[in-house]
Amino acid sequence: MLEELKAIEKNKTWELIKLPSNNKPIVVKWVFKLKLNSDGSIAKHKARLVAKSFLQKLRVDYKEVFTLVAMIKTLRLMISLASKSN
């Protein structure tokens, strides 16, 4: 957990600010996962801090939405490879 918090600070992912009196804080939770080696032994323990975004409301808790966008070149390549291998 400490490594994850250090990475968040280093990458400046979040900026802590004083919460305005009319707002609610975003609820977060820790997600833990084991990374395994190919032989099944434990390689390392991972911890991620994630926001429970399903509790948020557009224009109340946030104003912008960001989504991943696929490049058309990547889609063409995937379709080409899929058709080539039937």
N, C-alpha and C. Protein backbone atom coordinates (compact mmCIF):
# COMPACT_ATOMS: atom_id res chain seq x y z
N MET A 1 0.83 -1.18 0.00
CA MET A 1 0.00 0.00 0.00
C MET A 1 0.87 1.25 0.00
N LEU A 2 1.97 1.19 0.75
CA LEU A 2 2.86 2.35 0.79
C LEU A 2 3.49 2.62 -0.57
N GLU A 3 3.85 1.53 -1.30
CA GLU A 3 4.41 1.70 -2.64
C GLU A 3 3.41 2.36 -3.57
N GLU A 4 2.15 1.97 -3.49
CA GLU A 4 1.11 2.55 -4.33
C GLU A 4 0.92 4.04 -4.00
N LEU A 5 0.89 4.37 -2.72
CA LEU A 5 0.75 5.77 -2.33
C LEU A 5 1.95 6.61 -2.79
N LYS A 6 3.16 6.03 -2.71
CA LYS A 6 4.35 6.74 -3.19
C LYS A 6 4.27 6.97 -4.70
N ALA A 7 3.77 5.97 -5.45
CA ALA A 7 3.64 6.11 -6.90
C ALA A 7 2.61 7.19 -7.25
N ILE A 8 1.51 7.25 -6.50
CA ILE A 8 0.49 8.28 -6.72
C ILE A 8 1.08 9.67 -6.50
N GLU A 9 1.87 9.81 -5.45
CA GLU A 9 2.50 11.10 -5.17
C GLU A 9 3.54 11.44 -6.23
N LYS A 10 4.36 10.46 -6.60
CA LYS A 10 5.43 10.68 -7.59
C LYS A 10 4.86 11.09 -8.94
N ASN A 11 3.81 10.41 -9.39
CA ASN A 11 3.21 10.69 -10.69
C ASN A 11 2.23 11.86 -10.67
N LYS A 12 2.01 12.41 -9.50
CA LYS A 12 1.06 13.51 -9.31
C LYS A 12 -0.31 13.15 -9.89
N THR A 13 -0.75 11.93 -9.58
CA THR A 13 -2.04 11.43 -10.06
C THR A 13 -3.18 12.22 -9.45
N TRP A 14 -3.09 12.49 -8.18
CA TRP A 14 -4.13 13.21 -7.45
C TRP A 14 -3.53 14.43 -6.79
N GLU A 15 -4.39 15.37 -6.53
CA GLU A 15 -3.99 16.55 -5.77
C GLU A 15 -4.95 16.68 -4.60
N LEU A 16 -4.44 16.62 -3.40
CA LEU A 16 -5.29 16.76 -2.22
C LEU A 16 -5.64 18.23 -2.02
N ILE A 17 -6.92 18.48 -1.86
CA ILE A 17 -7.39 19.84 -1.63
C ILE A 17 -8.37 19.83 -0.46
N LYS A 18 -8.66 21.00 0.05
CA LYS A 18 -9.66 21.11 1.11
C LYS A 18 -11.03 20.93 0.47
N LEU A 19 -11.83 20.05 1.03
CA LEU A 19 -13.15 19.74 0.48
C LEU A 19 -14.13 20.88 0.77
N PRO A 20 -14.77 21.40 -0.29
CA PRO A 20 -15.79 22.44 -0.05
C PRO A 20 -16.92 21.89 0.82
N SER A 21 -17.54 22.75 1.59
CA SER A 21 -18.54 22.30 2.57
C SER A 21 -19.76 21.65 1.93
N ASN A 22 -20.08 21.98 0.69
CA ASN A 22 -21.27 21.42 0.04
C ASN A 22 -20.98 20.15 -0.76
N ASN A 23 -19.77 19.60 -0.70
CA ASN A 23 -19.41 18.40 -1.45
C ASN A 23 -19.16 17.21 -0.54
N LYS A 24 -19.33 16.03 -1.11
CA LYS A 24 -19.01 14.79 -0.39
C LYS A 24 -17.68 14.25 -0.93
N PRO A 25 -16.88 13.61 -0.09
CA PRO A 25 -15.63 13.03 -0.58
C PRO A 25 -15.90 11.81 -1.45
N ILE A 26 -14.98 11.53 -2.38
CA ILE A 26 -15.08 10.34 -3.21
C ILE A 26 -14.65 9.14 -2.37
N VAL A 27 -15.46 8.12 -2.35
CA VAL A 27 -15.17 6.92 -1.56
C VAL A 27 -14.15 6.08 -2.34
N VAL A 28 -13.13 5.61 -1.66
CA VAL A 28 -12.11 4.77 -2.29
C VAL A 28 -12.00 3.46 -1.52
N LYS A 29 -11.40 2.47 -2.17
CA LYS A 29 -11.12 1.21 -1.48
C LYS A 29 -9.82 0.63 -2.02
N TRP A 30 -9.21 -0.21 -1.23
CA TRP A 30 -7.98 -0.89 -1.63
C TRP A 30 -8.34 -2.22 -2.29
N VAL A 31 -7.68 -2.52 -3.41
CA VAL A 31 -7.84 -3.80 -4.10
C VAL A 31 -6.49 -4.50 -4.04
N PHE A 32 -6.48 -5.71 -3.53
CA PHE A 32 -5.24 -6.47 -3.36
C PHE A 32 -5.19 -7.63 -4.35
N LYS A 33 -3.99 -7.91 -4.88
CA LYS A 33 -3.83 -8.99 -5.84
C LYS A 33 -2.44 -9.60 -5.69
N LEU A 34 -2.37 -10.90 -5.88
CA LEU A 34 -1.08 -11.59 -5.87
C LEU A 34 -0.59 -11.76 -7.30
N LYS A 35 0.64 -11.38 -7.56
CA LYS A 35 1.27 -11.65 -8.85
C LYS A 35 2.07 -12.94 -8.68
N LEU A 36 1.81 -13.91 -9.55
CA LEU A 36 2.44 -15.22 -9.43
C LEU A 36 3.49 -15.43 -10.51
N ASN A 37 4.51 -16.22 -10.17
CA ASN A 37 5.50 -16.68 -11.15
C ASN A 37 4.89 -17.81 -11.96
N SER A 38 5.57 -18.22 -13.01
CA SER A 38 5.05 -19.30 -13.86
C SER A 38 4.94 -20.63 -13.12
N ASP A 39 5.74 -20.80 -12.05
CA ASP A 39 5.67 -22.05 -11.28
C ASP A 39 4.62 -21.99 -10.17
N GLY A 40 3.89 -20.87 -10.07
CA GLY A 40 2.83 -20.75 -9.07
C GLY A 40 3.27 -20.09 -7.77
N SER A 41 4.55 -19.81 -7.62
CA SER A 41 5.02 -19.15 -6.41
C SER A 41 4.69 -17.65 -6.47
N ILE A 42 4.65 -17.03 -5.32
CA ILE A 42 4.29 -15.62 -5.25
C ILE A 42 5.45 -14.74 -5.71
N ALA A 43 5.20 -13.92 -6.73
CA ALA A 43 6.21 -12.99 -7.22
C ALA A 43 6.18 -11.71 -6.39
N LYS A 44 4.96 -11.16 -6.19
CA LYS A 44 4.83 -9.98 -5.34
C LYS A 44 3.37 -9.73 -5.02
N HIS A 45 3.18 -8.94 -3.99
CA HIS A 45 1.84 -8.52 -3.57
C HIS A 45 1.58 -7.15 -4.18
N LYS A 46 0.41 -6.96 -4.79
CA LYS A 46 0.05 -5.68 -5.40
C LYS A 46 -1.12 -5.07 -4.64
N ALA A 47 -1.12 -3.77 -4.54
CA ALA A 47 -2.23 -3.05 -3.92
C ALA A 47 -2.56 -1.86 -4.82
N ARG A 48 -3.84 -1.65 -5.08
CA ARG A 48 -4.29 -0.51 -5.88
C ARG A 48 -5.37 0.23 -5.10
N LEU A 49 -5.30 1.53 -5.17
CA LEU A 49 -6.32 2.37 -4.54
C LEU A 49 -7.27 2.81 -5.66
N VAL A 50 -8.53 2.41 -5.57
CA VAL A 50 -9.50 2.72 -6.63
C VAL A 50 -10.68 3.50 -6.07
N ALA A 51 -11.22 4.37 -6.90
CA ALA A 51 -12.39 5.16 -6.52
C ALA A 51 -13.64 4.36 -6.84
N LYS A 52 -14.61 4.44 -5.96
CA LYS A 52 -15.91 3.80 -6.21
C LYS A 52 -16.73 4.78 -7.06
N SER A 53 -16.41 4.83 -8.34
CA SER A 53 -17.01 5.85 -9.21
C SER A 53 -18.50 5.64 -9.44
N PHE A 54 -19.01 4.44 -9.18
CA PHE A 54 -20.44 4.21 -9.37
C PHE A 54 -21.29 5.01 -8.39
N LEU A 55 -20.67 5.56 -7.36
CA LEU A 55 -21.39 6.39 -6.39
C LEU A 55 -21.44 7.85 -6.80
N GLN A 56 -20.70 8.20 -7.86
CA GLN A 56 -20.61 9.60 -8.27
C GLN A 56 -21.72 9.96 -9.26
N LYS A 57 -22.05 11.24 -9.30
CA LYS A 57 -23.08 11.74 -10.21
C LYS A 57 -22.49 12.82 -11.10
N LEU A 58 -22.78 12.72 -12.40
CA LEU A 58 -22.30 13.70 -13.38
C LEU A 58 -22.80 15.09 -13.02
N ARG A 59 -21.90 16.07 -13.13
CA ARG A 59 -22.15 17.48 -12.84
C ARG A 59 -22.37 17.78 -11.35
N VAL A 60 -22.39 16.75 -10.52
CA VAL A 60 -22.45 16.96 -9.08
C VAL A 60 -21.07 16.68 -8.50
N ASP A 61 -20.54 15.48 -8.76
CA ASP A 61 -19.23 15.09 -8.24
C ASP A 61 -18.09 15.29 -9.25
N TYR A 62 -18.42 15.38 -10.53
CA TYR A 62 -17.40 15.58 -11.56
C TYR A 62 -18.03 16.25 -12.77
N LYS A 63 -17.17 16.84 -13.62
CA LYS A 63 -17.67 17.55 -14.79
C LYS A 63 -17.20 16.94 -16.10
N GLU A 64 -16.14 16.16 -16.07
CA GLU A 64 -15.60 15.59 -17.30
C GLU A 64 -15.51 14.08 -17.20
N VAL A 65 -15.59 13.41 -18.35
CA VAL A 65 -15.46 11.96 -18.42
C VAL A 65 -14.34 11.64 -19.40
N PHE A 66 -13.45 10.76 -19.01
CA PHE A 66 -12.35 10.35 -19.87
C PHE A 66 -12.49 8.87 -20.17
N THR A 67 -12.36 8.51 -21.44
CA THR A 67 -12.43 7.10 -21.83
C THR A 67 -11.26 6.77 -22.74
N LEU A 68 -10.93 5.49 -22.79
CA LEU A 68 -9.90 5.04 -23.70
C LEU A 68 -10.44 5.05 -25.12
N VAL A 69 -9.59 5.40 -26.06
CA VAL A 69 -10.00 5.46 -27.46
C VAL A 69 -9.04 4.60 -28.27
N ALA A 70 -9.60 3.69 -29.07
CA ALA A 70 -8.77 2.84 -29.92
C ALA A 70 -8.41 3.59 -31.19
N MET A 71 -7.18 3.44 -31.63
CA MET A 71 -6.75 4.08 -32.88
C MET A 71 -7.24 3.25 -34.05
N ILE A 72 -7.61 3.90 -35.13
CA ILE A 72 -8.12 3.21 -36.31
C ILE A 72 -7.06 2.26 -36.88
N LYS A 73 -5.79 2.63 -36.79
CA LYS A 73 -4.71 1.77 -37.29
C LYS A 73 -4.71 0.44 -36.53
N THR A 74 -4.91 0.52 -35.23
CA THR A 74 -4.93 -0.68 -34.40
C THR A 74 -6.11 -1.56 -34.77
N LEU A 75 -7.28 -0.97 -34.98
CA LEU A 75 -8.46 -1.74 -35.37
C LEU A 75 -8.25 -2.42 -36.72
N ARG A 76 -7.68 -1.71 -37.68
CA ARG A 76 -7.42 -2.30 -39.00
C ARG A 76 -6.46 -3.48 -38.90
N LEU A 77 -5.42 -3.33 -38.07
CA LEU A 77 -4.46 -4.41 -37.88
C LEU A 77 -5.14 -5.63 -37.27
N MET A 78 -5.97 -5.41 -36.25
CA MET A 78 -6.66 -6.52 -35.59
C MET A 78 -7.60 -7.24 -36.56
N ILE A 79 -8.33 -6.48 -37.36
CA ILE A 79 -9.24 -7.08 -38.34
C ILE A 79 -8.46 -7.85 -39.39
N SER A 80 -7.34 -7.29 -39.83
CA SER A 80 -6.50 -7.97 -40.82
C SER A 80 -5.96 -9.30 -40.28
N LEU A 81 -5.47 -9.28 -39.05
CA LEU A 81 -4.94 -10.50 -38.44
C LEU A 81 -6.04 -11.53 -38.23
N ALA A 82 -7.22 -11.08 -37.82
CA ALA A 82 -8.33 -12.00 -37.61
C ALA A 82 -8.78 -12.64 -38.91
N SER A 83 -8.86 -11.86 -39.99
CA SER A 83 -9.29 -12.43 -41.28
C SER A 83 -8.24 -13.34 -41.88
N LYS A 84 -6.98 -13.05 -41.61
CA LYS A 84 -5.89 -13.85 -42.14
C LYS A 84 -5.88 -15.26 -41.47
N SER A 85 -6.26 -15.30 -40.19
CA SER A 85 -6.22 -16.57 -39.47
C SER A 85 -7.61 -17.21 -39.36
N ASN A 86 -8.55 -16.70 -40.14
CA ASN A 86 -9.93 -17.22 -40.15
C ASN A 86 -10.54 -17.22 -38.77
